Amino acid sequence: MPGQVLLEMIPEEAIQAGVSAADWRAALRACGEIMVKTGLVDLPYIDQMIAAVEDLGPYMVIAPGIALAHARPSPAVRRPGFSIVVLDAPVSFGHPENDPVRLIIGLAAPDPHSHVQALAAIAEMLSDESCRSALFQAKSRRDVLHVLTEFSERGSCA
């Protein structure tokens, strides 16, 4: 199934729901801190993600309510992987169509290739309205894991 790679590249400890963030910077910090704690990235990566938005605008807000938090491949990335943060209240990144953001998927990519298969699976999962809705409503790590497992096993959350 396409989602199996998600379970392999998203450590259970890299999932948090009900996260409070005052603004988009705090939301990216929360996402980045999880990636630091799970050994995906080193601390400088958090500032690199924030600088990317400051320099390029809210391009990482990829769909209504969803941001793909990342920076360019750098030595601050230890290994490929993802984190998932569900905010308790959405925050604005300044995107004209897709704000506010409630779901942040953190991407740690040490090179241009190692994450492509998992990123494709995430895109497929997020294109499923029932998966997206369940992620937006997730109140716990267990809720998010349920969505990932459901998608991994069935290719859908319906």
C-alpha atoms as a PDB file:
ATOM      1  CA  MET A   1       0.000   0.000   0.000  1.00  0.00           C
ATOM      2  CA  PRO A   2       1.217   3.543  -0.704  1.00  0.00           C
ATOM      3  CA  GLY A   3       0.969   4.670   2.888  1.00  0.00           C
ATOM      4  CA  GLN A   4       3.331   2.065   4.341  1.00  0.00           C
ATOM      5  CA  VAL A   5       6.249   4.381   3.667  1.00  0.00           C
ATOM      6  CA  LEU A   6       4.544   6.996   5.864  1.00  0.00           C
ATOM      7  CA  LEU A   7       4.666   4.751   8.908  1.00  0.00           C
ATOM      8  CA  GLU A   8       8.346   4.123   8.199  1.00  0.00           C
ATOM      9  CA  MET A   9       9.296   7.807   7.812  1.00  0.00           C
ATOM     10  CA  ILE A  10       7.134   9.380  10.530  1.00  0.00           C
ATOM     11  CA  PRO A  11       8.388   8.307  13.951  1.00  0.00           C
ATOM     12  CA  GLU A  12       5.504   7.950  16.407  1.00  0.00           C
ATOM     13  CA  GLU A  13       7.243  10.457  18.702  1.00  0.00           C
ATOM     14  CA  ALA A  14       7.260  12.968  15.801  1.00  0.00           C
ATOM     15  CA  ILE A  15       3.479  13.337  15.991  1.00  0.00           C
ATOM     16  CA  GLN A  16       1.752  15.845  18.251  1.00  0.00           C
ATOM     17  CA  ALA A  17      -1.818  17.103  18.368  1.00  0.00           C
ATOM     18  CA  GLY A  18      -3.377  19.923  20.352  1.00  0.00           C
ATOM     19  CA  VAL A  19      -0.266  22.077  19.999  1.00  0.00           C
ATOM     20  CA  SER A  20      -0.642  25.764  20.890  1.00  0.00           C
ATOM     21  CA  ALA A  21       1.091  28.372  18.748  1.00  0.00           C
ATOM     22  CA  ALA A  22       0.654  32.131  18.855  1.00  0.00           C
ATOM     23  CA  ASP A  23       1.677  32.617  15.221  1.00  0.00           C
ATOM     24  CA  TRP A  24       3.270  30.886  12.237  1.00  0.00           C
ATOM     25  CA  ARG A  25       6.783  31.264  13.645  1.00  0.00           C
ATOM     26  CA  ALA A  26       5.773  29.529  16.870  1.00  0.00           C
ATOM     27  CA  ALA A  27       4.023  26.825  14.827  1.00  0.00           C
ATOM     28  CA  LEU A  28       7.183  26.188  12.789  1.00  0.00           C
ATOM     29  CA  ARG A  29       9.240  26.174  15.997  1.00  0.00           C
ATOM     30  CA  ALA A  30       6.934  23.566  17.530  1.00  0.00           C
ATOM     31  CA  CYS A  31       7.195  21.438  14.396  1.00  0.00           C
ATOM     32  CA  GLY A  32      10.976  21.842  14.260  1.00  0.00           C
ATOM     33  CA  GLU A  33      11.479  21.070  17.945  1.00  0.00           C
ATOM     34  CA  ILE A  34       9.736  17.758  17.423  1.00  0.00           C
ATOM     35  CA  MET A  35      12.077  16.980  14.533  1.00  0.00           C
ATOM     36  CA  VAL A  36      15.071  17.878  16.728  1.00  0.00           C
ATOM     37  CA  LYS A  37      13.835  15.659  19.589  1.00  0.00           C
ATOM     38  CA  THR A  38      13.334  12.700  17.244  1.00  0.00           C
ATOM     39  CA  GLY A  39      16.776  13.072  15.683  1.00  0.00           C
ATOM     40  CA  LEU A  40      15.624  14.079  12.209  1.00  0.00           C
ATOM     41  CA  VAL A  41      17.322  17.490  12.253  1.00  0.00           C
ATOM     42  CA  ASP A  42      19.636  19.683  14.305  1.00  0.00           C
ATOM     43  CA  LEU A  43      18.522  22.948  15.897  1.00  0.00           C
ATOM     44  CA  PRO A  44      19.662  25.276  13.048  1.00  0.00           C
ATOM     45  CA  TYR A  45      17.038  23.693  10.784  1.00  0.00           C
ATOM     46  CA  ILE A  46      14.255  25.456  12.701  1.00  0.00           C
ATOM     47  CA  ASP A  47      15.702  28.883  11.893  1.00  0.00           C
ATOM     48  CA  GLN A  48      16.222  27.767   8.286  1.00  0.00           C
ATOM     49  CA  MET A  49      12.501  26.925   7.983  1.00  0.00           C
ATOM     50  CA  ILE A  50      11.497  30.291   9.444  1.00  0.00           C
ATOM     51  CA  ALA A  51      13.966  32.130   7.197  1.00  0.00           C
ATOM     52  CA  ALA A  52      12.481  30.368   4.148  1.00  0.00           C
ATOM     53  CA  VAL A  53       9.055  31.874   4.879  1.00  0.00           C
ATOM     54  CA  GLU A  54      10.541  35.271   5.700  1.00  0.00           C
ATOM     55  CA  ASP A  55      12.496  35.267   2.416  1.00  0.00           C
ATOM     56  CA  LEU A  56      10.018  33.603   0.055  1.00  0.00           C
ATOM     57  CA  GLY A  57       6.610  34.200   1.639  1.00  0.00           C
ATOM     58  CA  PRO A  58       4.038  31.586   2.672  1.00  0.00           C
ATOM     59  CA  TYR A  59       4.779  29.183  -0.202  1.00  0.00           C
ATOM     60  CA  MET A  60       4.839  26.224   2.185  1.00  0.00           C
ATOM     61  CA  VAL A  61       1.098  26.587   2.798  1.00  0.00           C
ATOM     62  CA  ILE A  62       0.281  24.005   0.153  1.00  0.00           C
ATOM     63  CA  ALA A  63      -3.486  23.546   0.558  1.00  0.00           C
ATOM     64  CA  PRO A  64      -6.315  24.985   2.660  1.00  0.00           C
ATOM     65  CA  GLY A  65      -5.271  24.563   6.296  1.00  0.00           C
ATOM     66  CA  ILE A  66      -2.046  22.653   5.504  1.00  0.00           C
ATOM     67  CA  ALA A  67       1.607  23.706   5.601  1.00  0.00           C
ATOM     68  CA  LEU A  68       4.586  21.605   4.511  1.00  0.00           C
ATOM     69  CA  ALA A  69       7.299  22.988   6.799  1.00  0.00           C
ATOM     70  CA  HIS A  70      10.781  22.558   5.369  1.00  0.00           C
ATOM     71  CA  ALA A  71      14.030  24.190   4.394  1.00  0.00           C
ATOM     72  CA  ARG A  72      16.522  23.368   1.683  1.00  0.00           C
ATOM     73  CA  PRO A  73      18.595  20.216   2.185  1.00  0.00           C
ATOM     74  CA  SER A  74      21.402  21.151   4.553  1.00  0.00           C
ATOM     75  CA  PRO A  75      23.919  19.666   6.975  1.00  0.00           C
ATOM     76  CA  ALA A  76      21.320  20.363   9.719  1.00  0.00           C
ATOM     77  CA  VAL A  77      19.285  17.404   8.411  1.00  0.00           C
ATOM     78  CA  ARG A  78      20.417  14.147   9.998  1.00  0.00           C
ATOM     79  CA  ARG A  79      18.108  11.749   8.161  1.00  0.00           C
ATOM     80  CA  PRO A  80      15.002  11.837   5.995  1.00  0.00           C
ATOM     81  CA  GLY A  81      11.688  11.893   7.776  1.00  0.00           C
ATOM     82  CA  PHE A  82       8.551  13.783   8.671  1.00  0.00           C
ATOM     83  CA  SER A  83       6.744  15.182  11.667  1.00  0.00           C
ATOM     84  CA  ILE A  84       3.062  15.999  12.015  1.00  0.00           C
ATOM     85  CA  VAL A  85       1.689  18.782  14.186  1.00  0.00           C
ATOM     86  CA  VAL A  86      -2.016  19.475  14.625  1.00  0.00           C
ATOM     87  CA  LEU A  87      -2.565  22.904  16.139  1.00  0.00           C
ATOM     88  CA  ASP A  88      -5.307  23.416  18.703  1.00  0.00           C
ATOM     89  CA  ALA A  89      -6.186  26.675  16.936  1.00  0.00           C
ATOM     90  CA  PRO A  90      -5.171  27.550  13.380  1.00  0.00           C
ATOM     91  CA  VAL A  91      -2.633  30.294  12.628  1.00  0.00           C
ATOM     92  CA  SER A  92      -2.181  32.574   9.642  1.00  0.00           C
ATOM     93  CA  PHE A  93       0.931  32.355   7.479  1.00  0.00           C
ATOM     94  CA  GLY A  94      -0.223  35.181   5.211  1.00  0.00           C
ATOM     95  CA  HIS A  95      -1.336  32.946   2.340  1.00  0.00           C
ATOM     96  CA  PRO A  96      -4.195  34.579   0.421  1.00  0.00           C
ATOM     97  CA  GLU A  97      -6.190  31.376  -0.243  1.00  0.00           C
ATOM     98  CA  ASN A  98      -5.020  28.640   2.125  1.00  0.00           C
ATOM     99  CA  ASP A  99      -4.892  30.338   5.538  1.00  0.00           C
ATOM    100  CA  PRO A 100      -5.407  29.651   8.340  1.00  0.00           C
ATOM    101  CA  VAL A 101      -3.229  26.574   8.915  1.00  0.00           C
ATOM    102  CA  ARG A 102      -4.151  23.828  11.381  1.00  0.00           C
ATOM    103  CA  LEU A 103      -2.013  20.913  10.096  1.00  0.00           C
ATOM    104  CA  ILE A 104       1.754  21.219   9.723  1.00  0.00           C
ATOM    105  CA  ILE A 105       3.789  18.452   8.173  1.00  0.00           C
ATOM    106  CA  GLY A 106       7.488  18.888   8.843  1.00  0.00           C
ATOM    107  CA  LEU A 107       9.851  17.600   6.176  1.00  0.00           C
ATOM    108  CA  ALA A 108      13.492  16.719   6.848  1.00  0.00           C
ATOM    109  CA  ALA A 109      15.232  16.113   3.532  1.00  0.00           C
ATOM    110  CA  PRO A 110      19.017  15.636   3.475  1.00  0.00           C
ATOM    111  CA  ASP A 111      19.014  15.497  -0.337  1.00  0.00           C
ATOM    112  CA  PRO A 112      16.582  16.011  -3.232  1.00  0.00           C
ATOM    113  CA  HIS A 113      15.617  12.325  -3.519  1.00  0.00           C
ATOM    114  CA  SER A 114      15.306  10.379  -0.237  1.00  0.00           C
ATOM    115  CA  HIS A 115      11.875  11.725   0.705  1.00  0.00           C
ATOM    116  CA  VAL A 116      10.086  11.675  -2.663  1.00  0.00           C
ATOM    117  CA  GLN A 117       8.178   8.406  -2.200  1.00  0.00           C
ATOM    118  CA  ALA A 118       6.904   9.411   1.238  1.00  0.00           C
ATOM    119  CA  LEU A 119       6.005  12.888   0.009  1.00  0.00           C
ATOM    120  CA  ALA A 120       3.935  11.313  -2.773  1.00  0.00           C
ATOM    121  CA  ALA A 121       2.138   9.159  -0.191  1.00  0.00           C
ATOM    122  CA  ILE A 122       1.440  12.236   1.962  1.00  0.00           C
ATOM    123  CA  ALA A 123       0.015  14.055  -1.059  1.00  0.00           C
ATOM    124  CA  GLU A 124      -2.193  11.056  -1.824  1.00  0.00           C
ATOM    125  CA  MET A 125      -3.374  10.843   1.793  1.00  0.00           C
ATOM    126  CA  LEU A 126      -4.132  14.582   1.913  1.00  0.00           C
ATOM    127  CA  SER A 127      -6.106  14.346  -1.327  1.00  0.00           C
ATOM    128  CA  ASP A 128      -8.497  11.976   0.474  1.00  0.00           C
ATOM    129  CA  GLU A 129     -11.103  14.257   2.034  1.00  0.00           C
ATOM    130  CA  SER A 130     -11.881  11.830   4.869  1.00  0.00           C
ATOM    131  CA  CYS A 131      -8.176  11.542   5.820  1.00  0.00           C
ATOM    132  CA  ARG A 132      -7.737  15.314   5.693  1.00  0.00           C
ATOM    133  CA  SER A 133     -10.829  15.885   7.810  1.00  0.00           C
ATOM    134  CA  ALA A 134      -9.735  13.292  10.380  1.00  0.00           C
ATOM    135  CA  LEU A 135      -6.285  14.905  10.642  1.00  0.00           C
ATOM    136  CA  PHE A 136      -7.790  18.385  11.135  1.00  0.00           C
ATOM    137  CA  GLN A 137      -9.962  16.995  13.945  1.00  0.00           C
ATOM    138  CA  ALA A 138      -7.233  14.908  15.622  1.00  0.00           C
ATOM    139  CA  LYS A 139      -6.918  15.621  19.327  1.00  0.00           C
ATOM    140  CA  SER A 140      -4.108  13.189  20.140  1.00  0.00           C
ATOM    141  CA  ARG A 141      -1.120  11.332  18.723  1.00  0.00           C
ATOM    142  CA  ARG A 142      -3.276   8.217  18.733  1.00  0.00           C
ATOM    143  CA  ASP A 143      -5.862   9.943  16.482  1.00  0.00           C
ATOM    144  CA  VAL A 144      -3.158  10.888  13.948  1.00  0.00           C
ATOM    145  CA  LEU A 145      -1.631   7.395  14.066  1.00  0.00           C
ATOM    146  CA  HIS A 146      -5.068   5.946  13.404  1.00  0.00           C
ATOM    147  CA  VAL A 147      -5.352   8.039  10.219  1.00  0.00           C
ATOM    148  CA  LEU A 148      -1.844   7.041   9.080  1.00  0.00           C
ATOM    149  CA  THR A 149      -2.505   3.360   9.771  1.00  0.00           C
ATOM    150  CA  GLU A 150      -5.919   3.439   8.103  1.00  0.00           C
ATOM    151  CA  PHE A 151      -4.453   5.062   5.002  1.00  0.00           C
ATOM    152  CA  SER A 152      -1.462   2.721   5.037  1.00  0.00           C
ATOM    153  CA  GLU A 153      -3.630  -0.388   5.200  1.00  0.00           C
ATOM    154  CA  ARG A 154      -6.523   0.637   2.951  1.00  0.00           C
ATOM    155  CA  GLY A 155      -5.307   3.573   0.859  1.00  0.00           C
ATOM    156  CA  SER A 156      -8.229   5.584   2.241  1.00  0.00           C
ATOM    157  CA  CYS A 157      -9.744   6.795   5.488  1.00  0.00           C
ATOM    158  CA  ALA A 158     -13.404   6.472   4.432  1.00  0.00           C
END
